[in-house]
Amino acid sequence: MLDAYKRREYFFKPYKRKHFVLNTEELATLFHFPGQVSTTPTFTRIESKKAEAPANLPI
């Protein structure tokens, strides 16, 4: 089963696409959404609302 997983690109059609290379900044943005440090002109920042936890929350 592990061997089939390693060789999955040979028998599963979607894995036959060409690969592409990301630089470190592009790769980091996949896992770390832009925050206060990086500016993103296409995203508008909104403040989130803060509220207390529900009183009937089972603990």
Protein backbone atom coordinates (compact mmCIF):
# COMPACT_ATOMS: atom_id res chain seq x y z
CA MET A 1 0.00 0.00 0.00
CA LEU A 2 2.83 2.40 0.82
CA ASP A 3 4.54 1.56 -2.45
CA ALA A 4 1.32 2.34 -4.34
CA TYR A 5 1.14 5.70 -2.55
CA LYS A 6 4.70 6.53 -3.62
CA ARG A 7 3.93 5.61 -7.23
CA ARG A 8 0.50 7.33 -7.31
CA GLU A 9 1.56 9.82 -9.97
CA TYR A 10 1.88 7.00 -12.50
CA PHE A 11 -1.62 5.61 -12.23
CA PHE A 12 -3.77 8.56 -11.12
CA LYS A 13 -4.58 10.92 -14.00
CA PRO A 14 -4.76 14.29 -12.13
CA TYR A 15 -1.18 13.83 -10.87
CA LYS A 16 0.15 13.87 -14.44
CA ARG A 17 -0.02 17.67 -14.63
CA LYS A 18 3.15 19.71 -14.88
CA HIS A 19 4.63 20.90 -11.62
CA PHE A 20 5.37 24.50 -10.77
CA VAL A 21 7.86 26.08 -8.42
CA LEU A 22 6.97 28.59 -5.70
CA ASN A 23 9.43 30.90 -4.00
CA THR A 24 9.52 31.07 -0.20
CA GLU A 25 7.19 34.07 0.03
CA GLU A 26 4.57 32.48 -2.23
CA LEU A 27 4.78 29.21 -0.35
CA ALA A 28 4.42 30.97 3.01
CA THR A 29 1.23 32.76 1.92
CA LEU A 30 -0.43 29.40 1.31
CA PHE A 31 -0.15 28.61 5.01
CA HIS A 32 0.01 32.09 6.60
CA PHE A 33 -2.73 34.43 5.45
CA PRO A 34 -1.47 38.04 5.16
CA GLY A 35 -1.67 39.95 8.43
CA GLN A 36 -0.77 43.42 9.69
CA VAL A 37 2.79 43.25 8.38
CA SER A 38 2.07 42.56 4.72
CA THR A 39 -0.20 44.90 2.88
CA THR A 40 -2.74 43.45 0.49
CA PRO A 41 -4.56 46.02 -1.64
CA THR A 42 -7.22 43.53 -2.77
CA PHE A 43 -8.30 42.58 0.77
CA THR A 44 -10.13 45.00 3.03
CA ARG A 45 -9.48 44.57 6.73
CA ILE A 46 -12.51 44.50 9.05
CA GLU A 47 -12.56 44.29 12.81
CA SER A 48 -14.06 41.13 14.23
CA LYS A 49 -16.75 41.29 16.87
CA LYS A 50 -15.91 39.89 20.28
CA ALA A 51 -18.51 38.25 22.49
CA GLU A 52 -18.69 36.17 25.63
CA ALA A 53 -18.98 32.40 25.45
CA PRO A 54 -22.54 31.03 25.64
CA ALA A 55 -23.80 30.45 29.18
CA ASN A 56 -25.06 26.93 28.37
CA LEU A 57 -21.74 25.72 26.91
CA PRO A 58 -21.02 22.21 28.23
CA ILE A 59 -17.61 21.94 29.83
